[in-house]
Amino acid sequence: MDTNTKAADLRQQAIQHDTDAHESFERCDTDGFLSQWASGQMANLRRTQATLAEHGDTWTFARTILTRADGSIVDDAREVTTRYGQRWRSDSENVWLPVRPKRATTLGKRGFAEVEIVEVAPAAAIHWAPAGARGLSGASSVQTIIIRTDRPKAEGWRPVGSPER
């Protein structure tokens, strides 16, 4: 199946899910809220999958890495959530540094810099919710996201936009 046919098929599925949600509301008003919500979620997922299909199932991703002043990568640097916000932690350098500070000199004074890496890579659209999302109340946290499929999540790649055609 070519990308245009796949995208058109996914968009048609999205329209069907939107129609299902509307018909459910017409039949039972708000009593069918859960099936209406689920149909809306599936419609959003299919629309995102169609957009990906139009771009050959690829997307542009970026990640920020920590480097030393000489340009060498700090291999064990990782972003950690602390009570003071996001921080870089490197065990080999034994440092805690701010992530994306307002001024580059904040890291520069300590002999470090951040470098942004951008790549076009294989991607997929999925439903995602935070780890603590449970039951109906957790359903409000569900969202459609785009993930990179060829690298581990731990590397910190984030979607930044569609690739150039």
Protein backbone atom coordinates (compact mmCIF):
# COMPACT_ATOMS: atom_id res chain seq x y z
CA MET A 1 0.00 0.00 0.00
CA ASP A 2 1.49 3.35 -1.00
CA THR A 3 1.73 6.23 1.48
CA ASN A 4 -1.16 8.22 -0.04
CA THR A 5 -3.52 5.23 0.06
CA LYS A 6 -2.47 4.39 3.63
CA ALA A 7 -2.95 8.03 4.74
CA ALA A 8 -6.37 8.23 3.04
CA ASP A 9 -7.46 4.96 4.69
CA LEU A 10 -6.35 6.19 8.14
CA ARG A 11 -8.13 9.53 7.63
CA GLN A 12 -11.30 7.64 6.66
CA GLN A 13 -11.01 5.60 9.86
CA ALA A 14 -10.67 8.85 11.84
CA ILE A 15 -13.85 10.20 10.23
CA GLN A 16 -15.64 6.96 11.13
CA HIS A 17 -14.53 7.25 14.78
CA ASP A 18 -15.76 10.87 14.88
CA THR A 19 -19.08 9.72 13.39
CA ASP A 20 -19.33 6.94 15.97
CA ALA A 21 -18.82 9.44 18.79
CA HIS A 22 -21.47 11.78 17.36
CA GLU A 23 -23.98 8.94 16.87
CA SER A 24 -23.36 7.71 20.42
CA PHE A 25 -24.11 11.18 21.76
CA GLU A 26 -27.31 11.40 19.66
CA ARG A 27 -28.49 7.99 20.92
CA CYS A 28 -27.80 8.37 24.63
CA ASP A 29 -26.68 11.95 25.28
CA THR A 30 -23.95 11.95 27.93
CA ASP A 31 -24.72 8.43 29.20
CA GLY A 32 -22.35 7.07 26.57
CA PHE A 33 -19.52 9.41 27.54
CA LEU A 34 -16.93 6.65 27.74
CA SER A 35 -17.54 5.29 24.26
CA GLN A 36 -17.68 8.88 22.94
CA TRP A 37 -14.34 9.64 24.60
CA ALA A 38 -12.78 6.41 23.26
CA SER A 39 -14.00 7.14 19.72
CA GLY A 40 -12.52 10.63 19.94
CA GLN A 41 -9.19 9.24 21.15
CA MET A 42 -9.08 6.73 18.30
CA ALA A 43 -9.97 9.42 15.75
CA ASN A 44 -7.07 11.56 16.99
CA LEU A 45 -4.69 8.56 16.84
CA ARG A 46 -5.73 7.72 13.26
CA ARG A 47 -5.30 11.35 12.12
CA THR A 48 -1.78 11.42 13.58
CA GLN A 49 -0.97 8.05 11.97
CA ALA A 50 -2.22 9.42 8.63
CA THR A 51 0.09 12.44 8.96
CA LEU A 52 2.99 10.09 9.66
CA ALA A 53 2.06 7.95 6.65
CA GLU A 54 2.15 11.04 4.42
CA HIS A 55 5.77 11.54 5.55
CA GLY A 56 6.82 7.93 4.99
CA ASP A 57 6.37 7.01 8.66
CA THR A 58 9.27 9.30 9.60
CA TRP A 59 9.42 12.42 11.78
CA THR A 60 12.00 14.94 12.90
CA PHE A 61 13.33 14.35 16.41
CA ALA A 62 15.75 16.28 18.59
CA ARG A 63 17.64 15.67 21.81
CA THR A 64 20.00 17.73 23.90
CA ILE A 65 23.33 16.27 25.01
CA LEU A 66 25.95 17.54 27.44
CA THR A 67 29.48 18.10 26.16
CA ARG A 68 32.74 19.24 27.70
CA ALA A 69 34.30 22.55 26.64
CA ASP A 70 36.58 20.67 24.21
CA GLY A 71 33.49 19.24 22.42
CA SER A 72 33.73 15.68 23.73
CA ILE A 73 30.44 14.12 24.81
CA VAL A 74 29.81 13.39 28.48
CA ASP A 75 28.66 9.80 27.94
CA ASP A 76 27.00 9.24 31.30
CA ALA A 77 25.17 12.60 31.46
CA ARG A 78 21.45 12.21 32.02
CA GLU A 79 18.56 14.53 32.82
CA VAL A 80 17.20 14.03 36.32
CA THR A 81 14.09 15.56 37.86
CA THR A 82 14.98 17.02 41.25
CA ARG A 83 13.06 19.17 43.69
CA TYR A 84 14.91 22.11 42.13
CA GLY A 85 13.83 21.23 38.59
CA GLN A 86 15.56 19.43 35.74
CA ARG A 87 19.31 18.92 36.23
CA TRP A 88 22.12 17.21 34.36
CA ARG A 89 23.83 14.49 36.39
CA SER A 90 27.19 12.99 35.47
CA ASP A 91 28.70 10.43 37.81
CA SER A 92 32.06 10.36 36.01
CA GLU A 93 32.40 14.16 36.31
CA ASN A 94 30.63 14.22 39.70
CA VAL A 95 28.52 17.25 38.76
CA TRP A 96 24.94 18.46 38.94
CA LEU A 97 24.22 21.14 36.32
CA PRO A 98 21.08 23.00 35.23
CA VAL A 99 19.33 21.80 32.07
CA ARG A 100 18.91 24.48 29.37
CA PRO A 101 19.90 27.45 31.53
CA LYS A 102 18.97 30.96 30.34
CA ARG A 103 22.62 31.78 29.62
CA ALA A 104 25.14 29.42 27.99
CA THR A 105 27.83 30.88 30.27
CA THR A 106 26.15 29.18 33.23
CA LEU A 107 27.45 25.86 31.91
CA GLY A 108 30.50 27.39 30.21
CA LYS A 109 31.98 28.59 33.51
CA ARG A 110 32.03 24.98 34.67
CA GLY A 111 33.55 23.67 31.43
CA PHE A 112 30.39 22.28 29.81
CA ALA A 113 27.95 23.08 27.01
CA GLU A 114 24.69 21.70 25.65
CA VAL A 115 24.39 20.60 22.02
CA GLU A 116 21.09 20.00 20.20
CA ILE A 117 21.07 17.02 17.81
CA VAL A 118 18.30 16.85 15.18
CA GLU A 119 17.56 13.75 13.07
CA VAL A 120 14.81 12.43 10.82
CA ALA A 121 13.96 8.90 11.97
CA PRO A 122 11.29 6.17 11.82
CA ALA A 123 8.28 7.04 13.95
CA ALA A 124 4.95 5.75 15.24
CA ALA A 125 1.92 7.37 16.84
CA ILE A 126 0.70 5.82 20.09
CA HIS A 127 -1.64 6.53 22.99
CA TRP A 128 0.31 7.50 26.10
CA ALA A 129 -0.59 8.29 29.72
CA PRO A 130 1.63 9.04 32.71
CA ALA A 131 2.57 6.10 34.93
CA GLY A 132 0.13 7.10 37.68
CA ALA A 133 -2.92 7.33 35.40
CA ARG A 134 -5.49 4.80 36.60
CA GLY A 135 -9.18 4.25 35.96
CA LEU A 136 -11.58 6.83 34.60
CA SER A 137 -9.78 9.75 36.22
CA GLY A 138 -6.55 8.64 34.56
CA ALA A 139 -8.30 8.53 31.19
CA SER A 140 -8.22 12.33 31.06
CA SER A 141 -4.41 12.09 30.92
CA VAL A 142 -4.34 9.96 27.76
CA GLN A 143 -2.88 11.69 24.72
CA THR A 144 -1.61 10.79 21.27
CA ILE A 145 2.15 11.18 20.93
CA ILE A 146 4.77 10.50 18.28
CA ILE A 147 7.70 8.31 19.30
CA ARG A 148 10.95 7.36 17.65
CA THR A 149 10.93 3.62 16.94
CA ASP A 150 14.60 2.92 16.20
CA ARG A 151 16.18 4.20 19.44
CA PRO A 152 15.49 3.59 23.15
CA LYS A 153 13.23 6.04 24.96
CA ALA A 154 15.98 6.62 27.55
CA GLU A 155 18.01 8.56 24.98
CA GLY A 156 15.54 11.44 25.33
CA TRP A 157 14.49 12.02 21.71
CA ARG A 158 11.48 14.32 21.38
CA PRO A 159 9.41 15.04 18.26
CA VAL A 160 9.98 18.56 16.90
CA GLY A 161 8.15 18.59 13.57
CA SER A 162 7.45 16.89 10.29
CA PRO A 163 10.40 16.04 8.05
CA GLU A 164 10.94 17.85 4.78
CA ARG A 165 9.43 16.05 1.83
